[in-house]
Amino acid sequence: MVVRTLALLSAVVATAAAYSAFTPRSAGLSTVSNGAPLTMKIYDWKRRQADESALNDVDNTEFTFDNLKSAPGARRRKNRKGRGIAAGQGATCGFGMRGQKARSGRPTRAGFEGGQQPLYRRLPKFVGRPTGPGHTKTVYNIIKTDELNGAESGSTVNFDSLLEGGATTKSKLDIHKIVVGGEEFAVDNLTVQAHAFTKGARAAIEGRGGTCQLLKPTTGEVLA
């Protein structure tokens, strides 16, 4: 009984000694001093050993086109596809195993949305309004020759004078065109100023001894 107890005690002592041999001691632990400067790893290997202390001094550095540099990691090399599975984009190159979009060439035409109503057909159409090159149209405020019959003979009229006299109404457009009205033009020697005239209106005014003066659309100056 005594022999068995002594053997058990010797085994416990040997185990404790072996465990203490592998336990790290506080004297061997490495400590980091609080005064060490904080550094960050630069992943651009060409700039790891470069001295950029002058560029980092913003207060004393004048940035020009020859010393500007991109931030590390901002410029990545292109992703090479189809060059082996180790690259991550080998074999199928990220297009999957099979399917219409995995085939070579363009799988669908431009604007195709899988069969649903595409965007270019969902938008409203401008019927009767060509929008291509050469399809511009100048919109005028229409003044009929009937509105000129109230003017005095030998006077000069334009949109402003007609509006002031109450012969016409206000308009959102800044350019005006004289057209033939339903009544016969009956004013002699009248000078009419407008941005455009129809052939019938010009003939009616000049037939009564009047004059048609064209105005510049931007400034309103008399052209002819």
C-alpha atoms as a PDB file:
ATOM      1  CA  MET A   1       0.000   0.000   0.000  1.00  0.00           C
ATOM      2  CA  VAL A   2       2.797   2.406   0.902  1.00  0.00           C
ATOM      3  CA  VAL A   3       4.722   1.486  -2.257  1.00  0.00           C
ATOM      4  CA  ARG A   4       1.670   2.209  -4.422  1.00  0.00           C
ATOM      5  CA  THR A   5       1.188   5.610  -2.788  1.00  0.00           C
ATOM      6  CA  LEU A   6       4.843   6.556  -3.302  1.00  0.00           C
ATOM      7  CA  ALA A   7       4.644   5.579  -6.993  1.00  0.00           C
ATOM      8  CA  LEU A   8       1.538   7.726  -7.465  1.00  0.00           C
ATOM      9  CA  LEU A   9       3.178  10.737  -5.814  1.00  0.00           C
ATOM     10  CA  SER A  10       6.299  10.404  -7.984  1.00  0.00           C
ATOM     11  CA  ALA A  11       4.123  10.318 -11.140  1.00  0.00           C
ATOM     12  CA  VAL A  12       2.305  13.506 -10.125  1.00  0.00           C
ATOM     13  CA  VAL A  13       5.598  15.306  -9.427  1.00  0.00           C
ATOM     14  CA  ALA A  14       7.038  14.258 -12.794  1.00  0.00           C
ATOM     15  CA  THR A  15       3.915  15.483 -14.639  1.00  0.00           C
ATOM     16  CA  ALA A  16       4.032  18.842 -12.894  1.00  0.00           C
ATOM     17  CA  ALA A  17       7.705  19.260 -13.755  1.00  0.00           C
ATOM     18  CA  ALA A  18       7.083  18.434 -17.389  1.00  0.00           C
ATOM     19  CA  TYR A  19       4.153  20.912 -17.608  1.00  0.00           C
ATOM     20  CA  SER A  20       6.195  23.727 -16.036  1.00  0.00           C
ATOM     21  CA  ALA A  21       8.932  23.198 -18.611  1.00  0.00           C
ATOM     22  CA  PHE A  22       6.559  24.054 -21.502  1.00  0.00           C
ATOM     23  CA  THR A  23       4.779  26.965 -19.760  1.00  0.00           C
ATOM     24  CA  PRO A  24       5.993  30.377 -21.153  1.00  0.00           C
ATOM     25  CA  ARG A  25       7.405  32.691 -18.576  1.00  0.00           C
ATOM     26  CA  SER A  26       6.558  36.354 -18.294  1.00  0.00           C
ATOM     27  CA  ALA A  27      10.215  37.266 -18.650  1.00  0.00           C
ATOM     28  CA  GLY A  28      10.336  35.837 -22.160  1.00  0.00           C
ATOM     29  CA  LEU A  29       7.219  37.619 -23.485  1.00  0.00           C
ATOM     30  CA  SER A  30       7.822  40.348 -26.059  1.00  0.00           C
ATOM     31  CA  THR A  31       6.228  43.683 -25.303  1.00  0.00           C
ATOM     32  CA  VAL A  32       5.506  46.575 -27.656  1.00  0.00           C
ATOM     33  CA  SER A  33       6.495  49.974 -26.431  1.00  0.00           C
ATOM     34  CA  ASN A  34       3.890  52.693 -26.522  1.00  0.00           C
ATOM     35  CA  GLY A  35       6.314  55.096 -28.114  1.00  0.00           C
ATOM     36  CA  ALA A  36       6.717  53.072 -31.341  1.00  0.00           C
ATOM     37  CA  PRO A  37       5.455  54.969 -34.458  1.00  0.00           C
ATOM     38  CA  LEU A  38       2.396  53.619 -36.232  1.00  0.00           C
ATOM     39  CA  THR A  39       3.238  52.351 -39.718  1.00  0.00           C
ATOM     40  CA  MET A  40       0.997  51.024 -42.480  1.00  0.00           C
ATOM     41  CA  LYS A  41       1.988  48.503 -45.073  1.00  0.00           C
ATOM     42  CA  ILE A  42       2.158  49.741 -48.656  1.00  0.00           C
ATOM     43  CA  TYR A  43       1.062  47.076 -51.108  1.00  0.00           C
ATOM     44  CA  ASP A  44       2.709  48.740 -54.090  1.00  0.00           C
ATOM     45  CA  TRP A  45       6.059  46.972 -54.097  1.00  0.00           C
ATOM     46  CA  LYS A  46       7.698  49.698 -56.171  1.00  0.00           C
ATOM     47  CA  ARG A  47       6.998  52.269 -53.472  1.00  0.00           C
ATOM     48  CA  ARG A  48       7.784  50.263 -50.336  1.00  0.00           C
ATOM     49  CA  GLN A  49      11.407  51.373 -50.251  1.00  0.00           C
ATOM     50  CA  ALA A  50      10.845  54.830 -51.725  1.00  0.00           C
ATOM     51  CA  ASP A  51      11.457  57.873 -49.583  1.00  0.00           C
ATOM     52  CA  GLU A  52       8.222  59.885 -49.746  1.00  0.00           C
ATOM     53  CA  SER A  53       8.724  61.949 -46.636  1.00  0.00           C
ATOM     54  CA  ALA A  54       8.917  65.134 -48.713  1.00  0.00           C
ATOM     55  CA  LEU A  55       5.605  64.418 -50.439  1.00  0.00           C
ATOM     56  CA  ASN A  56       3.931  63.616 -47.134  1.00  0.00           C
ATOM     57  CA  ASP A  57       4.904  67.016 -45.792  1.00  0.00           C
ATOM     58  CA  VAL A  58       1.825  68.827 -47.111  1.00  0.00           C
ATOM     59  CA  ASP A  59       2.680  72.176 -45.568  1.00  0.00           C
ATOM     60  CA  ASN A  60       6.033  72.468 -47.344  1.00  0.00           C
ATOM     61  CA  THR A  61       5.237  70.631 -50.596  1.00  0.00           C
ATOM     62  CA  GLU A  62       3.883  72.166 -53.784  1.00  0.00           C
ATOM     63  CA  PHE A  63       1.998  69.558 -55.795  1.00  0.00           C
ATOM     64  CA  THR A  64       2.548  69.736 -59.545  1.00  0.00           C
ATOM     65  CA  PHE A  65       1.784  67.453 -62.448  1.00  0.00           C
ATOM     66  CA  ASP A  66       5.152  65.734 -62.228  1.00  0.00           C
ATOM     67  CA  ASN A  67       4.964  64.726 -58.551  1.00  0.00           C
ATOM     68  CA  LEU A  68       1.328  63.635 -58.290  1.00  0.00           C
ATOM     69  CA  LYS A  69       0.914  59.938 -57.568  1.00  0.00           C
ATOM     70  CA  SER A  70      -2.021  57.649 -57.128  1.00  0.00           C
ATOM     71  CA  ALA A  71      -2.734  56.226 -53.704  1.00  0.00           C
ATOM     72  CA  PRO A  72      -1.369  52.720 -53.077  1.00  0.00           C
ATOM     73  CA  GLY A  73      -3.926  50.183 -54.207  1.00  0.00           C
ATOM     74  CA  ALA A  74      -5.836  52.646 -56.404  1.00  0.00           C
ATOM     75  CA  ARG A  75      -4.469  51.205 -59.646  1.00  0.00           C
ATOM     76  CA  ARG A  76      -5.025  47.490 -59.989  1.00  0.00           C
ATOM     77  CA  ARG A  77      -3.709  45.349 -62.778  1.00  0.00           C
ATOM     78  CA  LYS A  78      -6.268  44.002 -65.203  1.00  0.00           C
ATOM     79  CA  ASN A  79      -7.996  40.717 -64.391  1.00  0.00           C
ATOM     80  CA  ARG A  80      -6.642  38.039 -66.739  1.00  0.00           C
ATOM     81  CA  LYS A  81      -9.298  35.477 -67.612  1.00  0.00           C
ATOM     82  CA  GLY A  82      -8.973  32.054 -69.120  1.00  0.00           C
ATOM     83  CA  ARG A  83      -5.387  31.481 -67.949  1.00  0.00           C
ATOM     84  CA  GLY A  84      -5.869  28.628 -65.495  1.00  0.00           C
ATOM     85  CA  ILE A  85      -7.997  27.898 -62.467  1.00  0.00           C
ATOM     86  CA  ALA A  86      -5.393  29.301 -60.056  1.00  0.00           C
ATOM     87  CA  ALA A  87      -6.181  32.839 -61.235  1.00  0.00           C
ATOM     88  CA  GLY A  88      -9.806  32.544 -60.115  1.00  0.00           C
ATOM     89  CA  GLN A  89     -11.223  33.334 -63.553  1.00  0.00           C
ATOM     90  CA  GLY A  90      -9.977  30.383 -65.541  1.00  0.00           C
ATOM     91  CA  ALA A  91     -11.939  27.878 -67.624  1.00  0.00           C
ATOM     92  CA  THR A  92     -15.417  29.460 -67.797  1.00  0.00           C
ATOM     93  CA  CYS A  93     -14.047  32.982 -67.090  1.00  0.00           C
ATOM     94  CA  GLY A  94     -16.917  33.817 -64.752  1.00  0.00           C
ATOM     95  CA  PHE A  95     -19.694  33.068 -67.267  1.00  0.00           C
ATOM     96  CA  GLY A  96     -20.829  29.811 -65.705  1.00  0.00           C
ATOM     97  CA  MET A  97     -20.954  26.271 -67.083  1.00  0.00           C
ATOM     98  CA  ARG A  98     -23.714  26.580 -69.648  1.00  0.00           C
ATOM     99  CA  GLY A  99     -26.613  28.708 -70.776  1.00  0.00           C
ATOM    100  CA  GLN A 100     -27.331  31.339 -73.380  1.00  0.00           C
ATOM    101  CA  LYS A 101     -25.168  33.978 -71.737  1.00  0.00           C
ATOM    102  CA  ALA A 102     -22.194  31.600 -71.553  1.00  0.00           C
ATOM    103  CA  ARG A 103     -21.952  31.154 -75.332  1.00  0.00           C
ATOM    104  CA  SER A 104     -19.484  32.969 -77.537  1.00  0.00           C
ATOM    105  CA  GLY A 105     -20.592  36.072 -79.346  1.00  0.00           C
ATOM    106  CA  ARG A 106     -23.390  38.367 -78.256  1.00  0.00           C
ATOM    107  CA  PRO A 107     -26.180  36.137 -76.910  1.00  0.00           C
ATOM    108  CA  THR A 108     -28.996  38.707 -77.324  1.00  0.00           C
ATOM    109  CA  ARG A 109     -29.516  41.884 -79.292  1.00  0.00           C
ATOM    110  CA  ALA A 110     -29.256  45.318 -77.789  1.00  0.00           C
ATOM    111  CA  GLY A 111     -32.337  46.307 -75.823  1.00  0.00           C
ATOM    112  CA  PHE A 112     -33.597  42.735 -75.329  1.00  0.00           C
ATOM    113  CA  GLU A 113     -35.040  42.179 -71.856  1.00  0.00           C
ATOM    114  CA  GLY A 114     -35.842  38.483 -71.930  1.00  0.00           C
ATOM    115  CA  GLY A 115     -39.214  38.741 -73.629  1.00  0.00           C
ATOM    116  CA  GLN A 116     -40.867  41.402 -71.507  1.00  0.00           C
ATOM    117  CA  GLN A 117     -41.821  44.742 -73.004  1.00  0.00           C
ATOM    118  CA  PRO A 118     -38.490  46.542 -73.488  1.00  0.00           C
ATOM    119  CA  LEU A 119     -37.849  50.086 -72.395  1.00  0.00           C
ATOM    120  CA  TYR A 120     -37.755  51.573 -75.882  1.00  0.00           C
ATOM    121  CA  ARG A 121     -41.283  50.256 -76.468  1.00  0.00           C
ATOM    122  CA  ARG A 122     -42.641  51.286 -73.083  1.00  0.00           C
ATOM    123  CA  LEU A 123     -41.759  54.933 -73.623  1.00  0.00           C
ATOM    124  CA  PRO A 124     -44.344  57.174 -75.350  1.00  0.00           C
ATOM    125  CA  LYS A 125     -44.003  57.930 -79.029  1.00  0.00           C
ATOM    126  CA  PHE A 126     -44.037  61.397 -80.553  1.00  0.00           C
ATOM    127  CA  VAL A 127     -46.404  60.749 -83.450  1.00  0.00           C
ATOM    128  CA  GLY A 128     -46.062  63.157 -86.354  1.00  0.00           C
ATOM    129  CA  ARG A 129     -43.102  64.951 -84.826  1.00  0.00           C
ATOM    130  CA  PRO A 130     -39.793  64.069 -86.481  1.00  0.00           C
ATOM    131  CA  THR A 131     -36.882  64.640 -84.138  1.00  0.00           C
ATOM    132  CA  GLY A 132     -33.928  63.800 -86.399  1.00  0.00           C
ATOM    133  CA  PRO A 133     -31.428  66.157 -88.019  1.00  0.00           C
ATOM    134  CA  GLY A 134     -33.028  68.796 -90.218  1.00  0.00           C
ATOM    135  CA  HIS A 135     -36.456  68.436 -88.592  1.00  0.00           C
ATOM    136  CA  THR A 136     -36.413  71.645 -86.580  1.00  0.00           C
ATOM    137  CA  LYS A 137     -39.418  73.941 -86.715  1.00  0.00           C
ATOM    138  CA  THR A 138     -39.622  77.581 -85.745  1.00  0.00           C
ATOM    139  CA  VAL A 139     -42.785  78.416 -83.829  1.00  0.00           C
ATOM    140  CA  TYR A 140     -44.113  81.958 -84.267  1.00  0.00           C
ATOM    141  CA  ASN A 141     -46.823  83.963 -82.612  1.00  0.00           C
ATOM    142  CA  ILE A 142     -49.431  84.465 -85.330  1.00  0.00           C
ATOM    143  CA  ILE A 143     -50.718  87.982 -86.077  1.00  0.00           C
ATOM    144  CA  LYS A 144     -53.464  88.184 -88.689  1.00  0.00           C
ATOM    145  CA  THR A 145     -53.904  91.105 -91.056  1.00  0.00           C
ATOM    146  CA  ASP A 146     -57.374  91.630 -89.515  1.00  0.00           C
ATOM    147  CA  GLU A 147     -55.650  92.959 -86.387  1.00  0.00           C
ATOM    148  CA  LEU A 148     -53.861  95.601 -88.471  1.00  0.00           C
ATOM    149  CA  ASN A 149     -57.025  97.201 -89.853  1.00  0.00           C
ATOM    150  CA  GLY A 150     -57.426  99.334 -86.740  1.00  0.00           C
ATOM    151  CA  ALA A 151     -54.081 101.118 -87.283  1.00  0.00           C
ATOM    152  CA  GLU A 152     -53.854 104.613 -88.773  1.00  0.00           C
ATOM    153  CA  SER A 153     -52.708 105.083 -92.350  1.00  0.00           C
ATOM    154  CA  GLY A 154     -48.996 105.889 -92.700  1.00  0.00           C
ATOM    155  CA  SER A 155     -48.118 104.677 -89.190  1.00  0.00           C
ATOM    156  CA  THR A 156     -45.667 101.985 -88.052  1.00  0.00           C
ATOM    157  CA  VAL A 157     -47.012  98.997 -86.153  1.00  0.00           C
ATOM    158  CA  ASN A 158     -45.446  95.999 -84.435  1.00  0.00           C
ATOM    159  CA  PHE A 159     -46.471  93.557 -81.738  1.00  0.00           C
ATOM    160  CA  ASP A 160     -45.835  95.981 -78.888  1.00  0.00           C
ATOM    161  CA  SER A 161     -47.930  98.749 -80.417  1.00  0.00           C
ATOM    162  CA  LEU A 162     -50.744  96.317 -81.244  1.00  0.00           C
ATOM    163  CA  LEU A 163     -50.694  94.968 -77.687  1.00  0.00           C
ATOM    164  CA  GLU A 164     -50.754  98.476 -76.242  1.00  0.00           C
ATOM    165  CA  GLY A 165     -53.689  99.426 -78.455  1.00  0.00           C
ATOM    166  CA  GLY A 166     -55.632  96.289 -77.561  1.00  0.00           C
ATOM    167  CA  ALA A 167     -55.635  94.919 -81.105  1.00  0.00           C
ATOM    168  CA  THR A 168     -53.938  91.685 -80.054  1.00  0.00           C
ATOM    169  CA  THR A 169     -53.401  89.639 -76.904  1.00  0.00           C
ATOM    170  CA  LYS A 170     -50.330  88.624 -74.914  1.00  0.00           C
ATOM    171  CA  SER A 171     -48.089  85.866 -76.192  1.00  0.00           C
ATOM    172  CA  LYS A 172     -45.557  83.498 -74.612  1.00  0.00           C
ATOM    173  CA  LEU A 173     -43.482  83.584 -77.816  1.00  0.00           C
ATOM    174  CA  ASP A 174     -40.980  86.333 -78.590  1.00  0.00           C
ATOM    175  CA  ILE A 175     -41.082  86.085 -82.396  1.00  0.00           C
ATOM    176  CA  HIS A 176     -44.125  87.058 -84.465  1.00  0.00           C
ATOM    177  CA  LYS A 177     -45.381  86.276 -87.964  1.00  0.00           C
ATOM    178  CA  ILE A 178     -47.918  88.152 -90.077  1.00  0.00           C
ATOM    179  CA  VAL A 179     -50.467  85.975 -91.914  1.00  0.00           C
ATOM    180  CA  VAL A 180     -53.570  86.674 -93.992  1.00  0.00           C
ATOM    181  CA  GLY A 181     -56.788  86.934 -92.007  1.00  0.00           C
ATOM    182  CA  GLY A 182     -60.395  86.356 -92.924  1.00  0.00           C
ATOM    183  CA  GLU A 183     -61.154  90.016 -93.625  1.00  0.00           C
ATOM    184  CA  GLU A 184     -59.631  92.118 -96.391  1.00  0.00           C
ATOM    185  CA  PHE A 185     -56.673  94.284 -95.462  1.00  0.00           C
ATOM    186  CA  ALA A 186     -57.754  97.935 -95.838  1.00  0.00           C
ATOM    187  CA  VAL A 187     -54.997 100.234 -94.461  1.00  0.00           C
ATOM    188  CA  ASP A 188     -52.872 102.341 -96.815  1.00  0.00           C
ATOM    189  CA  ASN A 189     -49.167 103.146 -96.474  1.00  0.00           C
ATOM    190  CA  LEU A 190     -48.719 101.029 -93.332  1.00  0.00           C
ATOM    191  CA  THR A 191     -45.261  99.974 -92.137  1.00  0.00           C
ATOM    192  CA  VAL A 192     -45.422  96.582 -90.436  1.00  0.00           C
ATOM    193  CA  GLN A 193     -42.519  95.212 -88.377  1.00  0.00           C
ATOM    194  CA  ALA A 194     -42.402  91.479 -87.675  1.00  0.00           C
ATOM    195  CA  HIS A 195     -40.014  88.518 -87.697  1.00  0.00           C
ATOM    196  CA  ALA A 196     -41.692  86.760 -90.657  1.00  0.00           C
ATOM    197  CA  PHE A 197     -44.352  87.357 -93.300  1.00  0.00           C
ATOM    198  CA  THR A 198     -46.304  84.961 -95.461  1.00  0.00           C
ATOM    199  CA  LYS A 199     -46.421  85.614 -99.194  1.00  0.00           C
ATOM    200  CA  GLY A 200     -50.114  86.493 -99.052  1.00  0.00           C
ATOM    201  CA  ALA A 201     -49.663  88.897 -96.143  1.00  0.00           C
ATOM    202  CA  ARG A 202     -46.698  90.629 -97.783  1.00  0.00           C
ATOM    203  CA  ALA A 203     -48.635  91.001-101.042  1.00  0.00           C
ATOM    204  CA  ALA A 204     -51.652  92.447 -99.233  1.00  0.00           C
ATOM    205  CA  ILE A 205     -49.594  95.009 -97.298  1.00  0.00           C
ATOM    206  CA  GLU A 206     -47.426  96.082-100.241  1.00  0.00           C
ATOM    207  CA  GLY A 207     -50.483  96.159-102.517  1.00  0.00           C
ATOM    208  CA  ARG A 208     -51.861  99.006-100.385  1.00  0.00           C
ATOM    209  CA  GLY A 209     -48.584 100.940-100.542  1.00  0.00           C
ATOM    210  CA  GLY A 210     -47.271  99.573 -97.247  1.00  0.00           C
ATOM    211  CA  THR A 211     -43.839  98.268 -96.220  1.00  0.00           C
ATOM    212  CA  CYS A 212     -42.826  94.982 -94.554  1.00  0.00           C
ATOM    213  CA  GLN A 213     -39.791  95.208 -92.281  1.00  0.00           C
ATOM    214  CA  LEU A 214     -38.111  92.064 -90.952  1.00  0.00           C
ATOM    215  CA  LEU A 215     -36.844  92.055 -87.381  1.00  0.00           C
ATOM    216  CA  LYS A 216     -33.845  90.179 -85.981  1.00  0.00           C
ATOM    217  CA  PRO A 217     -35.091  87.361 -83.699  1.00  0.00           C
ATOM    218  CA  THR A 218     -32.469  87.942 -81.002  1.00  0.00           C
ATOM    219  CA  THR A 219     -32.262  91.735 -80.725  1.00  0.00           C
ATOM    220  CA  GLY A 220     -35.382  92.996 -82.522  1.00  0.00           C
ATOM    221  CA  GLU A 221     -33.395  95.246 -84.849  1.00  0.00           C
ATOM    222  CA  VAL A 222     -34.802  96.053 -88.262  1.00  0.00           C
ATOM    223  CA  LEU A 223     -33.053  93.971 -90.958  1.00  0.00           C
ATOM    224  CA  ALA A 224     -34.860  95.054 -94.118  1.00  0.00           C
END
